[in-house]
Amino acid sequence: MDQSIIELISRRRRQILVHSFLYYQLNRTIIDDFTYDKWAMELYQLQVDFPEESKKAIDYEIYKDFDGSSGFDLPFTDPDVQNRGYRLLEYFEKNKKSF
């Protein structure tokens, strides 16, 4: 089992979840659609190519049927997801000039 693949799947899942929260719940974006779509399709392909690693990565149950087409139906009610989203948005607002 490849730990680096598990870590990459976990990172992409967190990114998709937080950026979906920002987009669908707060109507805000800090990444462009191309980047989001690239991450979503990469995550989908990683889950297809590495099913065992996918099961070991965070939030497997949430993403087991994820096809990369949308993050609309992901669970945004998790306070951790919301906190990460608000912190990321705050960081972005403070550092806009460097983006």
Protein backbone atom coordinates (compact mmCIF):
# COMPACT_ATOMS: atom_id res chain seq x y z
CA MET A 1 0.00 0.00 0.00
CA ASP A 2 1.39 3.38 -1.04
CA GLN A 3 1.22 5.94 1.80
CA SER A 4 1.92 8.85 -0.55
CA ILE A 5 -1.18 7.96 -2.59
CA ILE A 6 -3.28 7.79 0.59
CA GLU A 7 -1.99 11.23 1.57
CA LEU A 8 -2.71 12.67 -1.89
CA ILE A 9 -6.25 11.26 -1.91
CA SER A 10 -6.82 12.68 1.59
CA ARG A 11 -5.51 16.11 0.54
CA ARG A 12 -7.68 16.22 -2.58
CA ARG A 13 -10.75 15.18 -0.57
CA ARG A 14 -10.18 17.98 1.93
CA GLN A 15 -9.60 20.49 -0.85
CA ILE A 16 -12.73 19.48 -2.75
CA LEU A 17 -14.82 19.57 0.41
CA VAL A 18 -13.62 22.97 1.60
CA HIS A 19 -13.78 24.62 -1.82
CA SER A 20 -17.23 23.12 -2.42
CA PHE A 21 -18.35 24.62 0.90
CA LEU A 22 -17.03 28.02 -0.15
CA TYR A 23 -18.73 27.81 -3.53
CA TYR A 24 -22.07 26.22 -2.71
CA GLN A 25 -22.69 27.60 0.76
CA LEU A 26 -20.97 30.99 0.74
CA ASN A 27 -21.07 31.78 -2.99
CA ARG A 28 -17.33 32.53 -2.87
CA THR A 29 -14.36 31.16 -4.75
CA ILE A 30 -10.64 31.52 -4.29
CA ILE A 31 -9.61 29.07 -7.01
CA ASP A 32 -10.74 29.06 -10.61
CA ASP A 33 -13.07 26.44 -12.10
CA PHE A 34 -10.22 24.87 -14.04
CA THR A 35 -8.28 24.13 -10.85
CA TYR A 36 -11.33 22.74 -9.05
CA ASP A 37 -12.21 20.52 -12.02
CA LYS A 38 -8.61 19.34 -12.30
CA TRP A 39 -8.52 18.38 -8.60
CA ALA A 40 -11.94 16.70 -8.81
CA MET A 41 -11.00 14.59 -11.83
CA GLU A 42 -7.62 13.75 -10.31
CA LEU A 43 -9.38 12.58 -7.14
CA TYR A 44 -11.85 10.50 -9.14
CA GLN A 45 -9.04 8.85 -11.12
CA LEU A 46 -6.96 8.19 -8.00
CA GLN A 47 -9.92 6.47 -6.38
CA VAL A 48 -10.43 4.31 -9.47
CA ASP A 49 -6.75 3.47 -9.87
CA PHE A 50 -6.03 2.89 -6.16
CA PRO A 51 -9.19 1.48 -4.54
CA GLU A 52 -7.44 0.05 -1.49
CA GLU A 53 -5.58 3.29 -0.78
CA SER A 54 -8.84 5.16 -1.29
CA LYS A 55 -10.46 3.10 1.46
CA LYS A 56 -7.63 4.02 3.86
CA ALA A 57 -7.76 7.76 3.12
CA ILE A 58 -9.94 10.17 5.10
CA ASP A 59 -13.67 10.43 4.38
CA TYR A 60 -13.95 7.27 2.31
CA GLU A 61 -17.68 6.93 2.97
CA ILE A 62 -18.33 10.47 1.77
CA TYR A 63 -16.37 10.01 -1.44
CA LYS A 64 -16.94 6.35 -2.32
CA ASP A 65 -19.41 7.31 -5.08
CA PHE A 66 -17.75 10.61 -6.05
CA ASP A 67 -17.45 10.94 -9.84
CA GLY A 68 -15.79 14.35 -10.01
CA SER A 69 -18.74 16.09 -11.64
CA SER A 70 -19.87 18.18 -8.66
CA GLY A 71 -19.30 18.85 -4.99
CA PHE A 72 -22.88 20.03 -4.46
CA ASP A 73 -23.98 17.02 -2.43
CA LEU A 74 -20.98 16.85 -0.08
CA PRO A 75 -21.64 17.32 3.67
CA PHE A 76 -21.02 20.98 4.51
CA THR A 77 -22.54 20.85 8.00
CA ASP A 78 -19.36 19.52 9.59
CA PRO A 79 -18.02 22.34 11.79
CA ASP A 80 -14.44 21.39 10.90
CA VAL A 81 -15.16 21.85 7.19
CA GLN A 82 -16.84 25.19 7.85
CA ASN A 83 -14.00 26.38 10.09
CA ARG A 84 -11.41 25.43 7.48
CA GLY A 85 -13.41 27.23 4.82
CA TYR A 86 -13.76 30.42 6.85
CA ARG A 87 -10.06 30.37 7.82
CA LEU A 88 -9.02 29.85 4.21
CA LEU A 89 -11.28 32.66 3.06
CA GLU A 90 -9.92 34.97 5.76
CA TYR A 91 -6.34 34.11 4.77
CA PHE A 92 -7.16 34.73 1.12
CA GLU A 93 -8.74 38.11 1.87
CA LYS A 94 -5.72 39.23 3.91
CA ASN A 95 -3.24 38.07 1.28
CA LYS A 96 -5.13 38.81 -1.95
CA LYS A 97 -2.27 40.71 -3.51
CA SER A 98 -0.02 37.67 -3.45
CA PHE A 99 -2.51 35.42 -5.28
